Amino acid sequence: QIQPVESGGALVQSGGSLRLSCYVSGNIFSFYEMGWYRQVPGKERELVARITSDGDINYDDSVKDRFTISRDNAKNNLYLQMDRLKPEDTAVYYCNRVTGWKYGWGQGTQVTVSS
């Protein structure tokens, strides 16, 4: 089963920036809408940003105007530029398809924002 590989998480101060990356193997990445999800212990995983194969984008209100999602279909990569980070952005971040069947969930990448 294909599992995305997320990277780029780190410990950062409030107001800082990070860029997350996600690589998905195979030759079908470009066909599907992809999204960035995040999860904190004890809560359900939530979708925070999504991008269609054509580049249409939507954000959750909690990250709008601070996060930017993008993709490079030639490299099977999905990105999340995170600016003006807040402590409440602390979570494990994952990437996956948005609709239909999902890839296996990867390990995720930990983002910790200190106040």
C-alpha atoms as a PDB file:
ATOM      1  CA  GLN A   1       0.000   0.000   0.000  1.00  0.00           C
ATOM      2  CA  ILE A   2       1.330   3.419  -0.910  1.00  0.00           C
ATOM      3  CA  GLN A   3       2.068   5.678   2.029  1.00  0.00           C
ATOM      4  CA  PRO A   4       2.912   9.353   1.571  1.00  0.00           C
ATOM      5  CA  VAL A   5       6.155  10.527   3.158  1.00  0.00           C
ATOM      6  CA  GLU A   6       5.881  13.827   5.000  1.00  0.00           C
ATOM      7  CA  SER A   7       8.819  15.967   6.115  1.00  0.00           C
ATOM      8  CA  GLY A   8       9.742  19.458   7.203  1.00  0.00           C
ATOM      9  CA  GLY A   9       8.225  19.650  10.653  1.00  0.00           C
ATOM     10  CA  ALA A  10      10.171  21.260  13.479  1.00  0.00           C
ATOM     11  CA  LEU A  11      10.020  23.271  16.683  1.00  0.00           C
ATOM     12  CA  VAL A  12       9.485  26.933  15.850  1.00  0.00           C
ATOM     13  CA  GLN A  13       8.602  30.072  17.760  1.00  0.00           C
ATOM     14  CA  SER A  14       5.233  31.751  17.432  1.00  0.00           C
ATOM     15  CA  GLY A  15       5.213  33.957  14.343  1.00  0.00           C
ATOM     16  CA  GLY A  16       7.752  31.796  12.546  1.00  0.00           C
ATOM     17  CA  SER A  17       7.506  29.854   9.303  1.00  0.00           C
ATOM     18  CA  LEU A  18       7.919  26.287   8.105  1.00  0.00           C
ATOM     19  CA  ARG A  19       7.582  24.518   4.778  1.00  0.00           C
ATOM     20  CA  LEU A  20       6.236  20.972   4.805  1.00  0.00           C
ATOM     21  CA  SER A  21       6.759  18.531   1.963  1.00  0.00           C
ATOM     22  CA  CYS A  22       4.987  15.325   1.039  1.00  0.00           C
ATOM     23  CA  TYR A  23       6.101  12.766  -1.518  1.00  0.00           C
ATOM     24  CA  VAL A  24       3.800  10.118  -2.943  1.00  0.00           C
ATOM     25  CA  SER A  25       5.264   7.316  -5.024  1.00  0.00           C
ATOM     26  CA  GLY A  26       3.600   5.938  -8.131  1.00  0.00           C
ATOM     27  CA  ASN A  27       2.202   7.501 -11.267  1.00  0.00           C
ATOM     28  CA  ILE A  28      -1.284   8.584 -10.264  1.00  0.00           C
ATOM     29  CA  PHE A  29      -0.520  11.472  -7.884  1.00  0.00           C
ATOM     30  CA  SER A  30      -1.276  14.106 -10.491  1.00  0.00           C
ATOM     31  CA  PHE A  31      -4.834  12.890 -11.044  1.00  0.00           C
ATOM     32  CA  TYR A  32      -6.130  13.410  -7.535  1.00  0.00           C
ATOM     33  CA  GLU A  33      -7.129  16.199  -5.219  1.00  0.00           C
ATOM     34  CA  MET A  34      -4.698  16.224  -2.299  1.00  0.00           C
ATOM     35  CA  GLY A  35      -4.833  17.766   1.114  1.00  0.00           C
ATOM     36  CA  TRP A  36      -2.900  18.514   4.263  1.00  0.00           C
ATOM     37  CA  TYR A  37      -4.408  17.223   7.478  1.00  0.00           C
ATOM     38  CA  ARG A  38      -3.362  17.725  11.087  1.00  0.00           C
ATOM     39  CA  GLN A  39      -4.052  15.887  14.295  1.00  0.00           C
ATOM     40  CA  VAL A  40      -3.462  16.568  17.961  1.00  0.00           C
ATOM     41  CA  PRO A  41      -3.710  13.860  20.625  1.00  0.00           C
ATOM     42  CA  GLY A  42      -7.268  13.088  21.604  1.00  0.00           C
ATOM     43  CA  LYS A  43      -8.807  14.822  18.601  1.00  0.00           C
ATOM     44  CA  GLU A  44      -9.836  13.722  15.141  1.00  0.00           C
ATOM     45  CA  ARG A  45      -7.634  14.398  12.169  1.00  0.00           C
ATOM     46  CA  GLU A  46      -8.769  17.597  10.428  1.00  0.00           C
ATOM     47  CA  LEU A  47      -8.296  18.801   6.865  1.00  0.00           C
ATOM     48  CA  VAL A  48      -6.704  22.239   6.747  1.00  0.00           C
ATOM     49  CA  ALA A  49      -5.847  22.776   3.078  1.00  0.00           C
ATOM     50  CA  ARG A  50      -6.732  21.107  -0.211  1.00  0.00           C
ATOM     51  CA  ILE A  51      -5.718  21.434  -3.848  1.00  0.00           C
ATOM     52  CA  THR A  52      -7.262  19.804  -6.893  1.00  0.00           C
ATOM     53  CA  SER A  53      -5.312  18.321  -9.762  1.00  0.00           C
ATOM     54  CA  ASP A  54      -6.049  21.540 -11.669  1.00  0.00           C
ATOM     55  CA  GLY A  55      -4.808  23.760  -8.852  1.00  0.00           C
ATOM     56  CA  ASP A  56      -8.064  24.916  -7.270  1.00  0.00           C
ATOM     57  CA  ILE A  57      -7.403  25.579  -3.592  1.00  0.00           C
ATOM     58  CA  ASN A  58      -9.389  25.796  -0.384  1.00  0.00           C
ATOM     59  CA  TYR A  59      -8.359  26.418   3.212  1.00  0.00           C
ATOM     60  CA  ASP A  60      -9.912  25.925   6.585  1.00  0.00           C
ATOM     61  CA  ASP A  61     -10.681  29.267   8.205  1.00  0.00           C
ATOM     62  CA  SER A  62      -8.137  28.545  10.940  1.00  0.00           C
ATOM     63  CA  VAL A  63      -5.228  28.707   8.477  1.00  0.00           C
ATOM     64  CA  LYS A  64      -6.553  30.962   5.741  1.00  0.00           C
ATOM     65  CA  ASP A  65      -4.179  33.827   4.855  1.00  0.00           C
ATOM     66  CA  ARG A  66      -1.322  32.139   6.753  1.00  0.00           C
ATOM     67  CA  PHE A  67      -0.811  28.797   4.977  1.00  0.00           C
ATOM     68  CA  THR A  68      -0.223  28.182   1.275  1.00  0.00           C
ATOM     69  CA  ILE A  69      -0.688  24.787  -0.341  1.00  0.00           C
ATOM     70  CA  SER A  70       0.957  23.899  -3.633  1.00  0.00           C
ATOM     71  CA  ARG A  71       1.907  20.859  -5.653  1.00  0.00           C
ATOM     72  CA  ASP A  72       4.469  19.761  -8.217  1.00  0.00           C
ATOM     73  CA  ASN A  73       2.878  16.978 -10.218  1.00  0.00           C
ATOM     74  CA  ALA A  74       6.081  16.258 -12.133  1.00  0.00           C
ATOM     75  CA  LYS A  75       7.806  15.385  -8.845  1.00  0.00           C
ATOM     76  CA  ASN A  76       4.812  13.834  -7.039  1.00  0.00           C
ATOM     77  CA  ASN A  77       5.233  16.411  -4.303  1.00  0.00           C
ATOM     78  CA  LEU A  78       2.742  18.339  -2.198  1.00  0.00           C
ATOM     79  CA  TYR A  79       3.831  21.350  -0.137  1.00  0.00           C
ATOM     80  CA  LEU A  80       2.489  23.485   2.688  1.00  0.00           C
ATOM     81  CA  GLN A  81       4.068  26.855   3.365  1.00  0.00           C
ATOM     82  CA  MET A  82       3.151  27.838   6.900  1.00  0.00           C
ATOM     83  CA  ASP A  83       3.643  31.468   7.935  1.00  0.00           C
ATOM     84  CA  ARG A  84       2.759  33.433  11.070  1.00  0.00           C
ATOM     85  CA  LEU A  85       2.534  30.179  13.001  1.00  0.00           C
ATOM     86  CA  LYS A  86       0.558  30.062  16.229  1.00  0.00           C
ATOM     87  CA  PRO A  87       0.785  27.692  19.198  1.00  0.00           C
ATOM     88  CA  GLU A  88      -2.592  26.251  18.174  1.00  0.00           C
ATOM     89  CA  ASP A  89      -0.997  25.049  14.924  1.00  0.00           C
ATOM     90  CA  THR A  90       0.956  22.497  16.952  1.00  0.00           C
ATOM     91  CA  ALA A  91       0.052  19.061  15.596  1.00  0.00           C
ATOM     92  CA  VAL A  92       1.242  16.149  13.509  1.00  0.00           C
ATOM     93  CA  TYR A  93       0.690  17.014   9.847  1.00  0.00           C
ATOM     94  CA  TYR A  94      -0.199  14.443   7.205  1.00  0.00           C
ATOM     95  CA  CYS A  95      -0.970  14.516   3.512  1.00  0.00           C
ATOM     96  CA  ASN A  96      -3.455  12.322   1.685  1.00  0.00           C
ATOM     97  CA  ARG A  97      -6.187  12.293  -0.883  1.00  0.00           C
ATOM     98  CA  VAL A  98      -9.263  14.311  -0.008  1.00  0.00           C
ATOM     99  CA  THR A  99     -12.091  12.368  -1.630  1.00  0.00           C
ATOM    100  CA  GLY A 100     -12.584   8.685  -2.338  1.00  0.00           C
ATOM    101  CA  TRP A 101     -10.157   6.037  -1.232  1.00  0.00           C
ATOM    102  CA  LYS A 102      -7.142   7.137   0.783  1.00  0.00           C
ATOM    103  CA  TYR A 103      -3.508   6.208   0.576  1.00  0.00           C
ATOM    104  CA  GLY A 104      -2.187   4.556   3.710  1.00  0.00           C
ATOM    105  CA  TRP A 105      -1.506   7.165   6.375  1.00  0.00           C
ATOM    106  CA  GLY A 106       2.170   7.981   6.667  1.00  0.00           C
ATOM    107  CA  GLN A 107       4.130   8.805   9.805  1.00  0.00           C
ATOM    108  CA  GLY A 108       3.329  12.462   9.517  1.00  0.00           C
ATOM    109  CA  THR A 109       5.626  15.302  10.516  1.00  0.00           C
ATOM    110  CA  GLN A 110       5.509  17.026  13.901  1.00  0.00           C
ATOM    111  CA  VAL A 111       5.063  20.774  14.016  1.00  0.00           C
ATOM    112  CA  THR A 112       5.484  22.382  17.416  1.00  0.00           C
ATOM    113  CA  VAL A 113       4.967  26.114  17.865  1.00  0.00           C
ATOM    114  CA  SER A 114       6.189  27.609  21.125  1.00  0.00           C
ATOM    115  CA  SER A 115       4.649  30.751  22.571  1.00  0.00           C
END
